[in-house]
N, C-alpha and C. Protein backbone atom coordinates (compact mmCIF):
# COMPACT_ATOMS: atom_id res chain seq x y z
N MET A 1 43.52 32.34 14.27
CA MET A 1 43.02 31.44 15.29
C MET A 1 41.86 32.08 16.07
N ALA A 2 41.97 33.37 16.33
CA ALA A 2 40.92 34.07 17.07
C ALA A 2 39.62 34.07 16.27
N LEU A 3 39.74 34.22 14.96
CA LEU A 3 38.56 34.20 14.11
C LEU A 3 37.87 32.84 14.17
N PHE A 4 38.64 31.76 14.09
CA PHE A 4 38.08 30.40 14.19
C PHE A 4 37.36 30.21 15.52
N SER A 5 37.96 30.67 16.61
CA SER A 5 37.37 30.54 17.93
C SER A 5 36.05 31.31 18.02
N MET A 6 36.02 32.50 17.44
CA MET A 6 34.81 33.32 17.46
C MET A 6 33.71 32.65 16.63
N ILE A 7 34.03 32.12 15.45
CA ILE A 7 33.05 31.43 14.60
C ILE A 7 32.54 30.18 15.30
N HIS A 8 33.44 29.44 15.93
CA HIS A 8 33.05 28.22 16.63
C HIS A 8 32.07 28.53 17.77
N ARG A 9 32.36 29.60 18.56
CA ARG A 9 31.46 29.99 19.65
C ARG A 9 30.10 30.40 19.11
N TYR A 10 30.09 31.14 18.00
CA TYR A 10 28.83 31.55 17.38
C TYR A 10 28.04 30.34 16.92
N SER A 11 28.68 29.36 16.29
CA SER A 11 28.00 28.16 15.80
C SER A 11 27.40 27.35 16.94
N VAL A 12 28.15 27.18 18.04
CA VAL A 12 27.65 26.43 19.18
C VAL A 12 26.46 27.15 19.80
N ALA A 13 26.57 28.47 19.93
CA ALA A 13 25.46 29.25 20.50
C ALA A 13 24.24 29.19 19.59
N HIS A 14 24.47 29.26 18.29
CA HIS A 14 23.36 29.20 17.33
C HIS A 14 22.66 27.83 17.38
N ILE A 15 23.43 26.78 17.44
CA ILE A 15 22.86 25.42 17.52
C ILE A 15 22.07 25.25 18.81
N ALA A 16 22.63 25.72 19.93
CA ALA A 16 21.94 25.61 21.22
C ALA A 16 20.64 26.39 21.21
N PHE A 17 20.67 27.61 20.66
CA PHE A 17 19.45 28.42 20.58
C PHE A 17 18.40 27.75 19.71
N SER A 18 18.83 27.23 18.57
CA SER A 18 17.89 26.55 17.65
C SER A 18 17.27 25.34 18.32
N ALA A 19 18.07 24.57 19.05
CA ALA A 19 17.54 23.38 19.74
C ALA A 19 16.53 23.79 20.80
N LEU A 20 16.82 24.82 21.58
CA LEU A 20 15.88 25.29 22.60
C LEU A 20 14.59 25.81 21.98
N LEU A 21 14.72 26.53 20.89
CA LEU A 21 13.54 27.03 20.19
C LEU A 21 12.67 25.89 19.68
N LEU A 22 13.29 24.89 19.10
CA LEU A 22 12.55 23.73 18.60
C LEU A 22 11.84 23.00 19.74
N ILE A 23 12.53 22.81 20.84
CA ILE A 23 11.92 22.12 21.99
C ILE A 23 10.74 22.92 22.52
N SER A 24 10.86 24.23 22.61
CA SER A 24 9.76 25.04 23.13
C SER A 24 8.56 25.02 22.18
N ILE A 25 8.83 25.01 20.87
CA ILE A 25 7.72 24.94 19.90
C ILE A 25 7.00 23.61 20.01
N LEU A 26 7.74 22.53 20.13
CA LEU A 26 7.12 21.21 20.20
C LEU A 26 6.34 21.01 21.50
N ASN A 27 6.69 21.74 22.54
CA ASN A 27 6.00 21.59 23.82
C ASN A 27 4.89 22.60 24.03
N THR A 28 4.64 23.45 23.06
CA THR A 28 3.57 24.43 23.18
C THR A 28 2.24 23.73 22.96
N PRO A 29 1.34 23.76 23.96
CA PRO A 29 0.07 23.04 23.84
C PRO A 29 -0.78 23.46 22.65
N SER A 30 -0.79 24.72 22.31
CA SER A 30 -1.65 25.17 21.23
C SER A 30 -1.18 24.69 19.86
N LEU A 31 0.06 24.25 19.75
CA LEU A 31 0.57 23.78 18.47
C LEU A 31 0.52 22.26 18.32
N ARG A 32 0.21 21.57 19.38
CA ARG A 32 0.10 20.11 19.30
C ARG A 32 -1.19 19.73 18.60
N ALA A 33 -1.17 18.58 17.97
CA ALA A 33 -2.39 18.08 17.35
C ALA A 33 -3.42 17.82 18.44
N GLU A 34 -4.66 18.17 18.13
CA GLU A 34 -5.72 17.97 19.12
C GLU A 34 -5.92 16.48 19.35
N GLU A 35 -5.93 16.09 20.60
CA GLU A 35 -6.16 14.69 20.93
C GLU A 35 -7.65 14.48 21.06
N ARG A 36 -8.14 13.44 20.39
CA ARG A 36 -9.56 13.12 20.48
C ARG A 36 -9.83 12.34 21.74
N PRO A 37 -10.74 12.80 22.57
CA PRO A 37 -11.10 12.00 23.73
C PRO A 37 -11.87 10.77 23.27
N ASP A 38 -11.92 9.76 24.12
CA ASP A 38 -12.75 8.61 23.78
C ASP A 38 -14.17 9.10 23.56
N SER A 39 -14.73 8.71 22.47
CA SER A 39 -16.08 9.15 22.14
C SER A 39 -16.82 7.98 21.51
N GLU A 40 -18.05 8.25 21.18
CA GLU A 40 -18.86 7.22 20.54
C GLU A 40 -18.23 6.79 19.23
N ILE A 41 -17.62 7.74 18.51
CA ILE A 41 -17.01 7.43 17.22
C ILE A 41 -15.82 6.49 17.39
N THR A 42 -14.93 6.81 18.31
CA THR A 42 -13.72 6.01 18.45
C THR A 42 -14.00 4.64 19.03
N SER A 43 -15.14 4.46 19.66
CA SER A 43 -15.45 3.17 20.25
C SER A 43 -16.34 2.31 19.35
N LEU A 44 -16.57 2.77 18.11
CA LEU A 44 -17.37 1.98 17.18
C LEU A 44 -16.64 0.69 16.82
N THR A 45 -17.41 -0.36 16.63
CA THR A 45 -16.85 -1.62 16.19
C THR A 45 -17.46 -2.00 14.84
N PRO A 46 -16.75 -2.75 14.03
CA PRO A 46 -17.30 -3.15 12.73
C PRO A 46 -18.66 -3.84 12.89
N GLY A 47 -19.58 -3.43 12.02
CA GLY A 47 -20.93 -3.98 12.06
C GLY A 47 -21.90 -3.18 12.90
N GLN A 48 -21.36 -2.22 13.65
CA GLN A 48 -22.21 -1.41 14.53
C GLN A 48 -22.91 -0.32 13.71
N THR A 49 -24.12 0.05 14.15
CA THR A 49 -24.88 1.12 13.51
C THR A 49 -24.60 2.44 14.21
N TYR A 50 -24.44 3.50 13.43
CA TYR A 50 -24.22 4.83 13.97
C TYR A 50 -25.20 5.78 13.28
N VAL A 51 -25.85 6.64 14.06
CA VAL A 51 -26.78 7.63 13.52
C VAL A 51 -26.18 9.01 13.74
N GLY A 52 -26.15 9.82 12.67
CA GLY A 52 -25.60 11.16 12.78
C GLY A 52 -26.05 12.04 11.63
N THR A 53 -25.54 13.27 11.63
CA THR A 53 -25.90 14.26 10.62
C THR A 53 -24.77 14.44 9.63
N VAL A 54 -25.09 14.43 8.34
CA VAL A 54 -24.10 14.61 7.29
C VAL A 54 -23.63 16.06 7.30
N ASN A 55 -22.31 16.26 7.47
CA ASN A 55 -21.73 17.60 7.40
C ASN A 55 -21.35 17.95 5.97
N SER A 56 -20.71 16.99 5.28
CA SER A 56 -20.32 17.23 3.89
C SER A 56 -20.06 15.92 3.17
N VAL A 57 -20.01 16.03 1.85
CA VAL A 57 -19.78 14.88 0.98
C VAL A 57 -18.65 15.25 0.03
N ASN A 58 -17.65 14.38 -0.13
CA ASN A 58 -16.54 14.62 -1.04
C ASN A 58 -16.54 13.51 -2.08
N GLN A 59 -17.03 13.84 -3.27
CA GLN A 59 -17.14 12.86 -4.35
C GLN A 59 -15.78 12.29 -4.76
N ASP A 60 -14.77 13.15 -4.85
CA ASP A 60 -13.46 12.74 -5.36
C ASP A 60 -12.81 11.67 -4.49
N GLN A 61 -13.02 11.74 -3.18
CA GLN A 61 -12.37 10.80 -2.26
C GLN A 61 -13.36 9.77 -1.70
N SER A 62 -14.58 9.76 -2.20
CA SER A 62 -15.64 8.87 -1.69
C SER A 62 -15.78 9.03 -0.18
N LEU A 63 -15.65 10.28 0.26
CA LEU A 63 -15.60 10.60 1.68
C LEU A 63 -16.90 11.24 2.13
N LEU A 64 -17.35 10.80 3.27
CA LEU A 64 -18.58 11.30 3.88
C LEU A 64 -18.22 11.77 5.29
N ILE A 65 -18.54 13.02 5.60
CA ILE A 65 -18.28 13.56 6.93
C ILE A 65 -19.61 13.58 7.68
N ILE A 66 -19.65 12.83 8.78
CA ILE A 66 -20.85 12.75 9.62
C ILE A 66 -20.43 13.13 11.03
N ASP A 67 -21.11 14.13 11.59
CA ASP A 67 -20.79 14.61 12.93
C ASP A 67 -19.28 14.88 13.08
N ASP A 68 -18.71 15.52 12.07
CA ASP A 68 -17.29 15.90 12.05
C ASP A 68 -16.34 14.71 12.08
N GLN A 69 -16.80 13.54 11.67
CA GLN A 69 -15.96 12.35 11.58
C GLN A 69 -15.99 11.83 10.15
N ALA A 70 -14.85 11.32 9.68
CA ALA A 70 -14.72 10.86 8.30
C ALA A 70 -15.12 9.40 8.14
N PHE A 71 -15.85 9.14 7.08
CA PHE A 71 -16.24 7.78 6.70
C PHE A 71 -16.01 7.63 5.20
N VAL A 72 -15.57 6.44 4.78
CA VAL A 72 -15.33 6.15 3.36
C VAL A 72 -16.32 5.08 2.94
N LEU A 73 -17.05 5.36 1.86
CA LEU A 73 -18.04 4.39 1.39
C LEU A 73 -17.35 3.24 0.65
N ASN A 74 -17.85 2.02 0.88
CA ASN A 74 -17.40 0.86 0.11
C ASN A 74 -17.78 1.07 -1.35
N ARG A 75 -17.18 0.30 -2.25
CA ARG A 75 -17.51 0.43 -3.68
C ARG A 75 -19.00 0.22 -3.95
N VAL A 76 -19.56 -0.78 -3.28
CA VAL A 76 -21.00 -1.05 -3.38
C VAL A 76 -21.58 -0.88 -1.98
N VAL A 77 -22.63 -0.07 -1.90
CA VAL A 77 -23.24 0.27 -0.62
C VAL A 77 -24.71 -0.13 -0.64
N HIS A 78 -25.16 -0.71 0.46
CA HIS A 78 -26.59 -1.00 0.62
C HIS A 78 -27.25 0.32 1.00
N PHE A 79 -28.05 0.88 0.09
CA PHE A 79 -28.64 2.21 0.27
C PHE A 79 -30.13 2.15 0.03
N GLU A 80 -30.89 2.50 1.06
CA GLU A 80 -32.35 2.54 0.96
C GLU A 80 -32.94 1.23 0.41
N GLY A 81 -32.38 0.11 0.87
CA GLY A 81 -32.94 -1.20 0.53
C GLY A 81 -32.40 -1.83 -0.74
N SER A 82 -31.47 -1.16 -1.44
CA SER A 82 -30.91 -1.72 -2.68
C SER A 82 -29.40 -1.54 -2.68
N SER A 83 -28.74 -2.24 -3.59
CA SER A 83 -27.29 -2.07 -3.74
C SER A 83 -27.02 -0.96 -4.75
N TRP A 84 -26.16 -0.03 -4.36
CA TRP A 84 -25.83 1.12 -5.19
C TRP A 84 -24.31 1.28 -5.25
N SER A 85 -23.84 1.92 -6.31
CA SER A 85 -22.42 2.28 -6.35
C SER A 85 -22.21 3.46 -5.40
N ARG A 86 -21.02 3.57 -4.84
CA ARG A 86 -20.77 4.66 -3.89
C ARG A 86 -20.93 6.02 -4.56
N GLU A 87 -20.61 6.12 -5.86
CA GLU A 87 -20.76 7.39 -6.56
C GLU A 87 -22.22 7.84 -6.60
N GLN A 88 -23.12 6.88 -6.85
CA GLN A 88 -24.54 7.21 -6.89
C GLN A 88 -25.08 7.59 -5.51
N VAL A 89 -24.60 6.90 -4.48
CA VAL A 89 -25.03 7.22 -3.12
C VAL A 89 -24.57 8.63 -2.74
N LEU A 90 -23.31 8.95 -3.04
CA LEU A 90 -22.77 10.27 -2.69
C LEU A 90 -23.53 11.40 -3.39
N LEU A 91 -24.02 11.13 -4.61
CA LEU A 91 -24.81 12.14 -5.32
C LEU A 91 -26.15 12.42 -4.63
N ARG A 92 -26.68 11.43 -3.93
CA ARG A 92 -27.99 11.56 -3.31
C ARG A 92 -27.97 12.08 -1.86
N LEU A 93 -26.81 12.05 -1.24
CA LEU A 93 -26.70 12.52 0.14
C LEU A 93 -26.50 14.02 0.18
N LYS A 94 -27.21 14.68 1.07
CA LYS A 94 -27.14 16.13 1.21
C LYS A 94 -26.70 16.51 2.62
N PRO A 95 -25.85 17.53 2.74
CA PRO A 95 -25.49 18.01 4.08
C PRO A 95 -26.74 18.39 4.87
N GLY A 96 -26.74 18.04 6.13
CA GLY A 96 -27.89 18.30 7.00
C GLY A 96 -28.81 17.11 7.15
N SER A 97 -28.67 16.11 6.27
CA SER A 97 -29.50 14.90 6.36
C SER A 97 -29.06 14.07 7.55
N THR A 98 -30.03 13.47 8.22
CA THR A 98 -29.72 12.52 9.29
C THR A 98 -29.67 11.14 8.66
N VAL A 99 -28.56 10.42 8.93
CA VAL A 99 -28.38 9.10 8.34
C VAL A 99 -28.05 8.07 9.40
N SER A 100 -28.36 6.84 9.06
CA SER A 100 -27.98 5.69 9.88
C SER A 100 -27.02 4.87 9.02
N ILE A 101 -25.82 4.60 9.54
CA ILE A 101 -24.83 3.87 8.77
C ILE A 101 -24.37 2.63 9.54
N VAL A 102 -23.93 1.63 8.79
CA VAL A 102 -23.29 0.46 9.37
C VAL A 102 -21.80 0.61 9.07
N VAL A 103 -21.00 0.70 10.12
CA VAL A 103 -19.58 0.97 9.96
C VAL A 103 -18.76 -0.30 9.86
N GLY A 104 -17.60 -0.16 9.23
CA GLY A 104 -16.65 -1.27 9.10
C GLY A 104 -15.34 -0.92 9.77
N GLU A 105 -14.28 -1.49 9.24
CA GLU A 105 -12.93 -1.28 9.77
C GLU A 105 -12.44 0.13 9.46
N ILE A 106 -11.41 0.58 10.16
CA ILE A 106 -10.74 1.83 9.83
C ILE A 106 -9.96 1.59 8.55
N VAL A 107 -10.20 2.42 7.53
CA VAL A 107 -9.56 2.25 6.22
C VAL A 107 -8.57 3.37 5.91
N ASP A 108 -8.61 4.45 6.67
CA ASP A 108 -7.69 5.57 6.48
C ASP A 108 -7.21 6.03 7.85
N GLU A 109 -6.03 5.52 8.24
CA GLU A 109 -5.48 5.82 9.57
C GLU A 109 -5.26 7.31 9.79
N SER A 110 -4.85 8.03 8.74
CA SER A 110 -4.53 9.45 8.92
C SER A 110 -5.75 10.26 9.32
N ARG A 111 -6.92 9.85 8.88
CA ARG A 111 -8.16 10.55 9.24
C ARG A 111 -8.98 9.79 10.28
N GLY A 112 -8.61 8.54 10.51
CA GLY A 112 -9.41 7.70 11.40
C GLY A 112 -10.72 7.30 10.73
N ALA A 113 -10.74 7.34 9.40
CA ALA A 113 -11.97 7.08 8.65
C ALA A 113 -12.29 5.59 8.60
N ARG A 114 -13.55 5.29 8.87
CA ARG A 114 -14.04 3.91 8.80
C ARG A 114 -14.81 3.70 7.51
N SER A 115 -14.87 2.46 7.07
CA SER A 115 -15.66 2.14 5.88
C SER A 115 -17.14 2.10 6.25
N VAL A 116 -17.97 2.27 5.23
CA VAL A 116 -19.43 2.22 5.41
C VAL A 116 -19.97 1.23 4.40
N SER A 117 -20.74 0.24 4.89
CA SER A 117 -21.30 -0.77 3.98
C SER A 117 -22.79 -0.57 3.73
N SER A 118 -23.44 0.20 4.61
CA SER A 118 -24.88 0.40 4.48
C SER A 118 -25.24 1.79 4.99
N ILE A 119 -26.21 2.39 4.32
CA ILE A 119 -26.64 3.74 4.71
C ILE A 119 -28.14 3.88 4.49
N LYS A 120 -28.80 4.54 5.44
CA LYS A 120 -30.22 4.87 5.33
C LYS A 120 -30.40 6.31 5.71
N VAL A 121 -31.19 7.05 4.91
CA VAL A 121 -31.50 8.42 5.26
C VAL A 121 -32.74 8.40 6.15
N LYS A 122 -32.62 9.03 7.31
CA LYS A 122 -33.74 9.09 8.26
C LYS A 122 -34.71 10.16 7.80
N LYS A 123 -35.97 9.84 7.84
CA LYS A 123 -37.01 10.82 7.48
C LYS A 123 -37.35 11.64 8.72
N ASP A 124 -37.33 12.95 8.57
CA ASP A 124 -37.64 13.84 9.71
C ASP A 124 -39.11 13.94 10.00
């Protein structure tokens, strides 16, 4: 009986310690996901034009990173005055280019990525 009582006390103490540890980890500010303040990106509405600098292009996911924000190209994109496939547009975009895009709805909630229906490369 004494052994059962000792094991039971250890289990309760272990569970309480684990719960406190978990609570402290979840409340640590440095481990929380960074909250995005309201910005020009988050206040974009479908059909609005946004001008920014291309950070990177991901061909596999049809993903375009502009000013550290994710955008997904539509299957067909209006590019430099013509209709192009998104694959062809992504091949022509280079990091560091300044672009003007017409944004659509949010299509990837996990990234907050909006669709892009039109893109123009700004000449420096």
